[in-house]
């Protein structure tokens, strides 16, 4: 049985498609696939990656994305796009708030960072195991999954692939000739 020809590739697709698709895929998980016309995949990726990232933040709290304590996990979390950036800025704002309280208070013996960490722990916002591990893993894996999606969009855009793939007409068995 002959397979029908696919019109998934286009020679007129702009050369900037990989760049635009990659930036969109980073900013909002699934947006790059939406840009390429793969809307079903885009919705699934958006829901899965965003839910995974924010589940990690819900488990760990505001200090889940913390480059001061977890530099490598923070790099992975930043691959989740705007979710990672928003979470980082929330954490940084809270950290600076406690830092201002420590600076305005009486001088203490430990370093500024240690004093701020102690203040955060006193407020009950410090991450503790096993919740901290789950929070880092959930949000970091979401970012790494989005990194794979970014690479997929860039490659599909570079190949000029647009739209959903056509359904496979055969059952996987080639007809004997």
N, C-alpha and C. Protein backbone atom coordinates (compact mmCIF):
# COMPACT_ATOMS: atom_id res chain seq x y z
N UNK A 1 0.86 -1.17 0.00
CA UNK A 1 0.00 0.00 0.00
C UNK A 1 0.90 1.23 0.00
N UNK A 2 0.66 2.12 -0.88
CA UNK A 2 1.49 3.32 -1.01
C UNK A 2 1.07 4.35 0.01
N UNK A 3 2.05 5.01 0.53
CA UNK A 3 1.77 6.09 1.49
C UNK A 3 1.58 7.38 0.72
N UNK A 4 0.68 8.19 1.22
CA UNK A 4 0.44 9.46 0.53
C UNK A 4 1.56 10.43 0.87
N UNK A 5 1.85 11.27 -0.08
CA UNK A 5 2.94 12.24 0.08
C UNK A 5 2.58 13.25 1.16
N UNK A 6 3.59 13.62 1.91
CA UNK A 6 3.38 14.57 3.00
C UNK A 6 3.77 15.97 2.56
N UNK A 7 2.97 16.94 2.97
CA UNK A 7 3.30 18.33 2.67
C UNK A 7 3.72 19.05 3.94
N UNK A 8 4.49 18.33 4.77
CA UNK A 8 4.91 18.88 6.05
C UNK A 8 6.08 19.82 5.93
N UNK A 9 6.83 19.75 4.88
CA UNK A 9 7.97 20.65 4.74
C UNK A 9 7.62 21.79 3.80
N UNK A 10 8.27 22.90 4.02
CA UNK A 10 8.00 24.08 3.21
C UNK A 10 9.32 24.77 2.89
N UNK A 11 9.50 25.10 1.62
CA UNK A 11 10.73 25.80 1.25
C UNK A 11 10.60 27.30 1.48
N UNK A 12 9.38 27.78 1.70
CA UNK A 12 9.18 29.22 1.91
C UNK A 12 9.17 29.59 3.38
N UNK A 13 9.31 28.61 4.27
CA UNK A 13 9.30 28.91 5.70
C UNK A 13 10.53 29.76 6.01
N UNK A 14 10.36 30.86 6.74
CA UNK A 14 11.48 31.78 6.97
C UNK A 14 12.67 31.11 7.65
N UNK A 15 13.83 31.60 7.34
CA UNK A 15 15.05 31.07 7.93
C UNK A 15 15.18 31.43 9.41
N UNK A 16 14.41 32.41 9.86
CA UNK A 16 14.47 32.80 11.28
C UNK A 16 13.56 31.94 12.13
N UNK A 17 12.83 31.00 11.54
CA UNK A 17 11.89 30.16 12.29
C UNK A 17 12.55 29.42 13.44
N UNK A 18 13.75 28.85 13.27
CA UNK A 18 14.37 28.17 14.42
C UNK A 18 14.63 29.12 15.58
N UNK A 19 15.03 30.34 15.28
CA UNK A 19 15.32 31.31 16.35
C UNK A 19 14.03 31.74 17.05
N UNK A 20 13.05 32.13 16.26
CA UNK A 20 11.77 32.55 16.84
C UNK A 20 11.14 31.42 17.62
N UNK A 21 11.12 30.22 17.03
CA UNK A 21 10.54 29.06 17.71
C UNK A 21 11.27 28.73 18.99
N UNK A 22 12.61 28.81 18.96
CA UNK A 22 13.39 28.52 20.16
C UNK A 22 13.14 29.50 21.29
N UNK A 23 13.06 30.78 20.95
CA UNK A 23 12.79 31.81 21.97
C UNK A 23 11.39 31.62 22.55
N UNK A 24 10.42 31.38 21.67
CA UNK A 24 9.06 31.14 22.15
C UNK A 24 8.98 29.89 23.02
N UNK A 25 9.68 28.83 22.60
CA UNK A 25 9.68 27.59 23.37
C UNK A 25 10.31 27.78 24.74
N UNK A 26 11.34 28.63 24.82
CA UNK A 26 11.93 28.90 26.14
C UNK A 26 10.98 29.72 26.99
N UNK A 27 10.41 30.78 26.43
CA UNK A 27 9.59 31.71 27.21
C UNK A 27 8.38 31.01 27.81
N UNK A 28 7.64 30.30 27.00
CA UNK A 28 6.44 29.60 27.46
C UNK A 28 6.51 28.18 26.92
N UNK A 29 6.61 27.18 27.79
CA UNK A 29 6.67 25.81 27.29
C UNK A 29 5.50 25.51 26.34
N UNK A 30 5.82 24.97 25.20
CA UNK A 30 4.81 24.64 24.20
C UNK A 30 4.57 25.73 23.16
N UNK A 31 4.98 26.95 23.44
CA UNK A 31 4.72 28.06 22.50
C UNK A 31 5.49 27.88 21.19
N UNK A 32 6.65 27.28 21.24
CA UNK A 32 7.40 27.04 20.01
C UNK A 32 6.71 26.03 19.12
N UNK A 33 6.15 24.99 19.73
CA UNK A 33 5.41 24.01 18.95
C UNK A 33 4.12 24.63 18.40
N UNK A 34 3.49 25.50 19.16
CA UNK A 34 2.30 26.21 18.68
C UNK A 34 2.67 27.04 17.45
N UNK A 35 3.80 27.72 17.52
CA UNK A 35 4.30 28.53 16.41
C UNK A 35 4.49 27.68 15.15
N UNK A 36 4.93 26.44 15.34
CA UNK A 36 5.15 25.54 14.21
C UNK A 36 3.86 24.85 13.74
N UNK A 37 2.75 25.15 14.39
CA UNK A 37 1.48 24.57 13.98
C UNK A 37 1.17 23.23 14.63
N UNK A 38 1.92 22.85 15.63
CA UNK A 38 1.70 21.58 16.34
C UNK A 38 0.96 21.88 17.63
N UNK A 39 -0.30 22.20 17.49
CA UNK A 39 -1.09 22.74 18.61
C UNK A 39 -1.40 21.70 19.68
N UNK A 40 -1.68 20.47 19.30
CA UNK A 40 -1.98 19.43 20.29
C UNK A 40 -0.75 19.19 21.16
N UNK A 41 0.39 19.03 20.52
CA UNK A 41 1.64 18.83 21.26
C UNK A 41 1.94 20.04 22.14
N UNK A 42 1.67 21.23 21.63
CA UNK A 42 1.95 22.46 22.39
C UNK A 42 1.15 22.50 23.68
N UNK A 43 -0.12 22.16 23.61
CA UNK A 43 -0.98 22.19 24.81
C UNK A 43 -0.51 21.15 25.82
N UNK A 44 -0.18 19.96 25.34
CA UNK A 44 0.29 18.90 26.25
C UNK A 44 1.59 19.32 26.93
N UNK A 45 2.52 19.88 26.17
CA UNK A 45 3.79 20.31 26.74
C UNK A 45 3.60 21.45 27.74
N UNK A 46 2.74 22.41 27.40
CA UNK A 46 2.50 23.52 28.31
C UNK A 46 1.95 23.03 29.64
N UNK A 47 0.93 22.19 29.58
CA UNK A 47 0.31 21.70 30.82
C UNK A 47 1.29 20.87 31.63
N UNK A 48 1.98 19.93 30.97
CA UNK A 48 2.87 19.03 31.69
C UNK A 48 4.06 19.76 32.31
N UNK A 49 4.74 20.58 31.54
CA UNK A 49 5.95 21.24 32.05
C UNK A 49 5.60 22.31 33.08
N UNK A 50 4.57 23.09 32.81
CA UNK A 50 4.19 24.13 33.77
C UNK A 50 3.70 23.52 35.08
N UNK A 51 2.89 22.48 34.99
CA UNK A 51 2.39 21.83 36.21
C UNK A 51 3.54 21.21 37.00
N UNK A 52 4.49 20.59 36.31
CA UNK A 52 5.63 19.99 37.00
C UNK A 52 6.48 21.06 37.69
N UNK A 53 6.74 22.16 37.00
CA UNK A 53 7.55 23.22 37.59
C UNK A 53 6.87 23.81 38.82
N UNK A 54 5.60 24.20 38.68
CA UNK A 54 4.92 24.86 39.80
C UNK A 54 4.57 23.89 40.92
N UNK A 55 4.51 22.59 40.62
CA UNK A 55 4.36 21.60 41.70
C UNK A 55 5.62 21.61 42.56
N UNK A 56 6.77 21.69 41.92
CA UNK A 56 8.01 21.79 42.68
C UNK A 56 8.06 23.03 43.54
N UNK A 57 7.62 24.16 42.99
CA UNK A 57 7.61 25.40 43.76
C UNK A 57 6.59 25.30 44.90
N UNK A 58 5.46 24.65 44.65
CA UNK A 58 4.47 24.48 45.71
C UNK A 58 5.00 23.62 46.85
N UNK A 59 5.79 22.62 46.51
CA UNK A 59 6.37 21.76 47.55
C UNK A 59 7.45 22.52 48.33
N UNK A 60 8.30 23.25 47.61
CA UNK A 60 9.45 23.87 48.24
C UNK A 60 9.26 25.29 48.72
N UNK A 61 8.30 25.98 48.16
CA UNK A 61 8.09 27.35 48.57
C UNK A 61 8.90 28.35 47.77
N UNK A 62 8.98 29.54 48.29
CA UNK A 62 9.56 30.66 47.56
C UNK A 62 11.05 30.50 47.31
N UNK A 63 11.75 29.70 48.10
CA UNK A 63 13.20 29.56 47.93
C UNK A 63 13.58 28.32 47.12
N UNK A 64 12.65 27.83 46.29
CA UNK A 64 12.97 26.68 45.44
C UNK A 64 13.98 27.04 44.37
N UNK A 65 13.82 28.19 43.74
CA UNK A 65 14.77 28.65 42.73
C UNK A 65 15.73 29.61 43.42
N UNK A 66 16.86 29.06 43.87
CA UNK A 66 17.80 29.84 44.68
C UNK A 66 19.22 29.60 44.18
N UNK A 67 19.72 30.48 43.30
CA UNK A 67 21.07 30.26 42.78
C UNK A 67 22.17 30.41 43.83
N UNK A 68 21.88 31.02 44.95
CA UNK A 68 22.90 31.14 45.99
C UNK A 68 23.20 29.78 46.62
N UNK A 69 22.17 28.95 46.79
CA UNK A 69 22.33 27.66 47.44
C UNK A 69 22.38 26.49 46.47
N UNK A 70 21.65 26.58 45.37
CA UNK A 70 21.54 25.47 44.41
C UNK A 70 21.81 25.98 43.00
N UNK A 71 23.07 26.25 42.71
CA UNK A 71 23.42 26.85 41.42
C UNK A 71 23.05 25.97 40.24
N UNK A 72 23.34 24.67 40.31
CA UNK A 72 23.06 23.79 39.17
C UNK A 72 21.57 23.59 38.97
N UNK A 73 20.83 23.39 40.06
CA UNK A 73 19.38 23.24 39.92
C UNK A 73 18.77 24.53 39.38
N UNK A 74 19.30 25.66 39.80
CA UNK A 74 18.77 26.94 39.31
C UNK A 74 18.97 27.09 37.81
N UNK A 75 20.09 26.63 37.31
CA UNK A 75 20.32 26.68 35.86
C UNK A 75 19.29 25.83 35.12
N UNK A 76 19.02 24.65 35.65
CA UNK A 76 18.01 23.78 35.04
C UNK A 76 16.63 24.42 35.12
N UNK A 77 16.32 25.03 36.27
CA UNK A 77 15.01 25.66 36.46
C UNK A 77 14.81 26.85 35.52
N UNK A 78 15.88 27.55 35.19
CA UNK A 78 15.76 28.69 34.28
C UNK A 78 15.39 28.26 32.86
N UNK A 79 15.62 27.00 32.53
CA UNK A 79 15.21 26.49 31.21
C UNK A 79 13.69 26.39 31.11
N UNK A 80 12.98 26.52 32.22
CA UNK A 80 11.51 26.49 32.20
C UNK A 80 10.94 27.82 31.75
N UNK A 81 11.80 28.76 31.39
CA UNK A 81 11.35 30.02 30.81
C UNK A 81 10.85 31.02 31.83
N UNK A 82 9.75 31.65 31.49
CA UNK A 82 9.23 32.72 32.34
C UNK A 82 8.82 32.21 33.71
N UNK A 83 8.41 30.96 33.82
CA UNK A 83 8.09 30.41 35.14
C UNK A 83 9.33 30.44 36.04
N UNK A 84 10.48 30.04 35.50
CA UNK A 84 11.72 30.08 36.27
C UNK A 84 12.13 31.49 36.62
N UNK A 85 11.98 32.41 35.67
CA UNK A 85 12.35 33.81 35.91
C UNK A 85 11.46 34.43 36.98
N UNK A 86 10.15 34.20 36.87
CA UNK A 86 9.22 34.75 37.86
C UNK A 86 9.52 34.17 39.24
N UNK A 87 9.76 32.89 39.30
CA UNK A 87 10.06 32.26 40.58
C UNK A 87 11.37 32.78 41.16
N UNK A 88 12.36 32.99 40.31
CA UNK A 88 13.63 33.55 40.78
C UNK A 88 13.43 34.95 41.36
N UNK A 89 12.69 35.79 40.65
CA UNK A 89 12.49 37.16 41.14
C UNK A 89 11.68 37.18 42.43
N UNK A 90 10.73 36.27 42.59
CA UNK A 90 10.01 36.17 43.87
C UNK A 90 10.97 35.82 45.00
N UNK A 91 11.83 34.84 44.74
CA UNK A 91 12.81 34.41 45.74
C UNK A 91 13.78 35.53 46.04
N UNK A 92 14.29 36.20 45.02
CA UNK A 92 15.26 37.27 45.21
C UNK A 92 14.67 38.44 45.99
N UNK A 93 13.41 38.78 45.69
CA UNK A 93 12.73 39.85 46.42
C UNK A 93 12.62 39.50 47.91
N UNK A 94 12.22 38.26 48.19
CA UNK A 94 12.08 37.83 49.59
C UNK A 94 13.44 37.81 50.28
N UNK A 95 14.47 37.34 49.58
CA UNK A 95 15.81 37.29 50.16
C UNK A 95 16.29 38.70 50.49
N UNK A 96 16.10 39.65 49.58
CA UNK A 96 16.53 41.04 49.82
C UNK A 96 15.75 41.68 50.97
N UNK A 97 14.50 41.27 51.13
CA UNK A 97 13.71 41.79 52.24
C UNK A 97 14.34 41.35 53.57
N UNK A 98 14.69 40.07 53.67
CA UNK A 98 15.33 39.59 54.90
C UNK A 98 16.73 40.17 55.05
N UNK A 99 17.44 40.38 53.95
CA UNK A 99 18.76 40.98 53.99
C UNK A 99 18.68 42.41 54.56
N UNK A 100 17.67 43.16 54.15
CA UNK A 100 17.49 44.51 54.67
C UNK A 100 17.20 44.49 56.17
N UNK A 101 16.43 43.50 56.61
CA UNK A 101 16.15 43.39 58.05
C UNK A 101 17.41 43.08 58.83
N UNK A 102 18.27 42.23 58.29
CA UNK A 102 19.51 41.88 58.98
C UNK A 102 20.45 43.08 59.01
N UNK A 103 20.54 43.83 57.91
CA UNK A 103 21.43 44.99 57.85
C UNK A 103 20.97 46.08 58.81
N UNK A 104 19.65 46.27 58.91
CA UNK A 104 19.13 47.33 59.78
C UNK A 104 19.16 46.93 61.25
N UNK A 105 19.33 45.65 61.54
CA UNK A 105 19.36 45.18 62.92
C UNK A 105 20.71 45.39 63.56
N UNK A 106 20.85 44.90 64.79
CA UNK A 106 22.14 45.02 65.48
C UNK A 106 23.20 44.18 64.77
N UNK A 107 24.47 44.64 64.80
CA UNK A 107 25.53 43.88 64.15
C UNK A 107 25.66 42.50 64.77
N UNK A 108 25.89 41.52 63.91
CA UNK A 108 26.02 40.15 64.41
C UNK A 108 27.34 39.56 63.95
N UNK A 109 27.73 38.45 64.55
CA UNK A 109 29.01 37.83 64.27
C UNK A 109 29.11 37.16 62.91
N UNK A 110 28.11 36.36 62.51
CA UNK A 110 28.30 35.63 61.25
C UNK A 110 28.23 36.54 60.04
N UNK A 111 28.60 35.99 58.92
CA UNK A 111 28.56 36.77 57.68
C UNK A 111 27.13 37.17 57.36
N UNK A 112 27.01 38.13 56.46
CA UNK A 112 25.69 38.63 56.08
C UNK A 112 24.82 37.51 55.52
N UNK A 113 25.39 36.69 54.63
CA UNK A 113 24.62 35.61 54.03
C UNK A 113 24.16 34.60 55.08
N UNK A 114 25.03 34.26 56.01
CA UNK A 114 24.65 33.32 57.07
C UNK A 114 23.57 33.93 57.97
N UNK A 115 23.67 35.21 58.24
CA UNK A 115 22.66 35.87 59.07
C UNK A 115 21.31 35.91 58.36
N UNK A 116 21.34 36.17 57.06
CA UNK A 116 20.09 36.18 56.29
C UNK A 116 19.49 34.77 56.27
N UNK A 117 20.32 33.75 56.06
CA UNK A 117 19.83 32.37 56.07
C UNK A 117 19.23 32.01 57.42
N UNK A 118 19.84 32.48 58.48
CA UNK A 118 19.29 32.21 59.81
C UNK A 118 17.93 32.90 59.98
N UNK A 119 17.80 34.11 59.48
CA UNK A 119 16.53 34.84 59.54
C UNK A 119 15.45 34.11 58.73
N UNK A 120 15.83 33.59 57.56
CA UNK A 120 14.90 32.84 56.72
C UNK A 120 14.46 31.56 57.44
N UNK A 121 15.41 30.89 58.08
CA UNK A 121 15.08 29.67 58.83
C UNK A 121 14.16 29.98 60.00
N UNK A 122 14.41 31.09 60.69
CA UNK A 122 13.54 31.49 61.80
C UNK A 122 12.11 31.77 61.33
N UNK A 123 11.98 32.26 60.09
CA UNK A 123 10.65 32.55 59.54
C UNK A 123 9.96 31.28 59.03
N UNK A 124 10.66 30.15 59.06
CA UNK A 124 10.07 28.89 58.60
C UNK A 124 10.03 28.75 57.09
N UNK A 125 10.86 29.51 56.38
CA UNK A 125 10.87 29.46 54.92
C UNK A 125 12.03 28.67 54.36
N UNK A 126 12.94 28.20 55.19
CA UNK A 126 14.09 27.45 54.70
C UNK A 126 13.64 26.08 54.21
N UNK A 127 14.23 25.63 53.12
CA UNK A 127 13.90 24.32 52.58
C UNK A 127 14.62 23.24 53.39
N UNK A 128 13.89 22.18 53.70
CA UNK A 128 14.46 21.06 54.43
C UNK A 128 14.18 19.77 53.66
N UNK A 129 15.06 18.79 53.83
CA UNK A 129 14.88 17.50 53.15
C UNK A 129 13.71 16.77 53.81
N UNK A 130 12.96 15.97 53.13
CA UNK A 130 13.02 15.58 51.73
C UNK A 130 12.24 16.54 50.81
N UNK A 131 11.52 17.49 51.38
CA UNK A 131 10.74 18.41 50.54
C UNK A 131 11.65 19.22 49.63
N UNK A 132 12.82 19.61 50.11
CA UNK A 132 13.73 20.40 49.28
C UNK A 132 14.19 19.59 48.07
N UNK A 133 14.48 18.32 48.29
CA UNK A 133 14.92 17.48 47.18
C UNK A 133 13.82 17.35 46.14
N UNK A 134 12.61 17.09 46.57
CA UNK A 134 11.48 16.98 45.64
C UNK A 134 11.25 18.29 44.91
N UNK A 135 11.34 19.40 45.62
CA UNK A 135 11.12 20.71 45.00
C UNK A 135 12.16 20.97 43.91
N UNK A 136 13.43 20.72 44.21
CA UNK A 136 14.49 20.95 43.23
C UNK A 136 14.34 20.01 42.03
N UNK A 137 14.03 18.76 42.30
CA UNK A 137 13.92 17.78 41.22
C UNK A 137 12.73 18.10 40.32
N UNK A 138 11.56 18.35 40.90
CA UNK A 138 10.37 18.64 40.10
C UNK A 138 10.60 19.86 39.21
N UNK A 139 11.04 20.96 39.81
CA UNK A 139 11.20 22.18 39.03
C UNK A 139 12.39 22.10 38.07
N UNK A 140 13.45 21.43 38.49
CA UNK A 140 14.62 21.28 37.61
C UNK A 140 14.35 20.36 36.44
N UNK A 141 13.66 19.27 36.68
CA UNK A 141 13.32 18.35 35.58
C UNK A 141 12.36 19.03 34.61
N UNK A 142 11.47 19.86 35.11
CA UNK A 142 10.58 20.61 34.21
C UNK A 142 11.41 21.49 33.27
N UNK A 143 12.41 22.15 33.81
CA UNK A 143 13.28 22.97 32.98
C UNK A 143 14.06 22.15 31.96
N UNK A 144 14.56 20.99 32.38
CA UNK A 144 15.31 20.14 31.46
C UNK A 144 14.41 19.56 30.38
N UNK A 145 13.18 19.23 30.72
CA UNK A 145 12.22 18.77 29.71
C UNK A 145 11.95 19.88 28.69
N UNK A 146 11.83 21.09 29.20
CA UNK A 146 11.61 22.21 28.28
C UNK A 146 12.83 22.44 27.40
N UNK A 147 14.02 22.18 27.91
CA UNK A 147 15.23 22.29 27.09
C UNK A 147 15.16 21.31 25.91
N UNK A 148 14.69 20.10 26.16
CA UNK A 148 14.51 19.14 25.06
C UNK A 148 13.48 19.65 24.05
N UNK A 149 12.42 20.26 24.55
CA UNK A 149 11.39 20.81 23.66
C UNK A 149 11.94 21.97 22.84
N UNK A 150 12.79 22.78 23.44
CA UNK A 150 13.42 23.88 22.71
C UNK A 150 14.27 23.32 21.57
N UNK A 151 15.05 22.29 21.87
CA UNK A 151 15.88 21.69 20.83
C UNK A 151 15.01 21.08 19.73
N UNK A 152 13.89 20.47 20.09
CA UNK A 152 12.97 19.90 19.10
C UNK A 152 12.43 21.00 18.18
N UNK A 153 12.01 22.11 18.77
CA UNK A 153 11.47 23.21 17.97
C UNK A 153 12.54 23.79 17.04
N UNK A 154 13.73 23.98 17.55
CA UNK A 154 14.80 24.54 16.72
C UNK A 154 15.10 23.61 15.54
N UNK A 155 15.18 22.32 15.80
CA UNK A 155 15.46 21.38 14.71
C UNK A 155 14.30 21.30 13.71
N UNK A 156 13.06 21.25 14.21
CA UNK A 156 11.92 21.23 13.30
C UNK A 156 11.85 22.51 12.47
N UNK A 157 12.12 23.65 13.12
CA UNK A 157 12.12 24.92 12.40
C UNK A 157 13.22 24.97 11.36
N UNK A 158 14.39 24.43 11.68
CA UNK A 158 15.50 24.41 10.73
C UNK A 158 15.20 23.51 9.53
N UNK A 159 14.44 22.45 9.77
CA UNK A 159 14.07 21.54 8.67
C UNK A 159 12.87 22.06 7.88
N UNK A 160 12.23 23.10 8.37
CA UNK A 160 11.07 23.66 7.68
C UNK A 160 9.79 22.89 7.91
N UNK A 161 9.73 22.10 8.96
CA UNK A 161 8.54 21.31 9.25
C UNK A 161 7.48 22.20 9.89
N UNK A 162 6.26 22.13 9.33
CA UNK A 162 5.14 22.90 9.85
C UNK A 162 3.95 21.97 10.03
N UNK A 163 3.12 22.23 11.01
CA UNK A 163 1.87 21.50 11.20
C UNK A 163 2.05 20.14 11.84
N UNK A 164 0.91 19.55 12.15
CA UNK A 164 0.89 18.22 12.75
C UNK A 164 1.31 17.18 11.72
N UNK A 165 1.98 16.13 12.16
CA UNK A 165 2.32 15.07 11.21
C UNK A 165 1.04 14.37 10.74
N UNK A 166 1.00 13.93 9.48
CA UNK A 166 -0.20 13.25 8.99
C UNK A 166 -0.37 11.90 9.67
N UNK A 167 -1.61 11.43 9.81
CA UNK A 167 -1.80 10.12 10.43
C UNK A 167 -1.20 9.03 9.56
N UNK A 168 -0.67 8.02 10.18
CA UNK A 168 -0.06 6.91 9.46
C UNK A 168 -1.17 6.05 8.89
N UNK A 169 -1.17 5.89 7.57
CA UNK A 169 -2.26 5.16 6.93
C UNK A 169 -2.10 3.66 7.01
N UNK A 170 -0.86 3.17 7.04
CA UNK A 170 -0.72 1.72 7.09
C UNK A 170 -0.62 1.26 8.53
N UNK A 171 -0.68 -0.02 8.72
CA UNK A 171 -0.67 -0.59 10.07
C UNK A 171 0.71 -0.97 10.52
N UNK A 172 1.71 -0.50 9.80
CA UNK A 172 3.08 -0.81 10.17
C UNK A 172 3.65 -1.97 9.38
N UNK A 173 2.82 -2.62 8.56
CA UNK A 173 3.27 -3.72 7.74
C UNK A 173 3.27 -3.30 6.29
N UNK A 174 4.38 -3.45 5.64
CA UNK A 174 4.46 -3.11 4.22
C UNK A 174 3.87 -4.25 3.40
N UNK A 175 3.18 -3.91 2.32
CA UNK A 175 2.61 -4.93 1.44
C UNK A 175 3.72 -5.58 0.65
N UNK A 176 3.64 -6.88 0.52
CA UNK A 176 4.64 -7.63 -0.25
C UNK A 176 4.45 -7.36 -1.73
N UNK A 177 5.53 -7.07 -2.40
CA UNK A 177 5.43 -6.80 -3.85
C UNK A 177 5.81 -8.02 -4.63
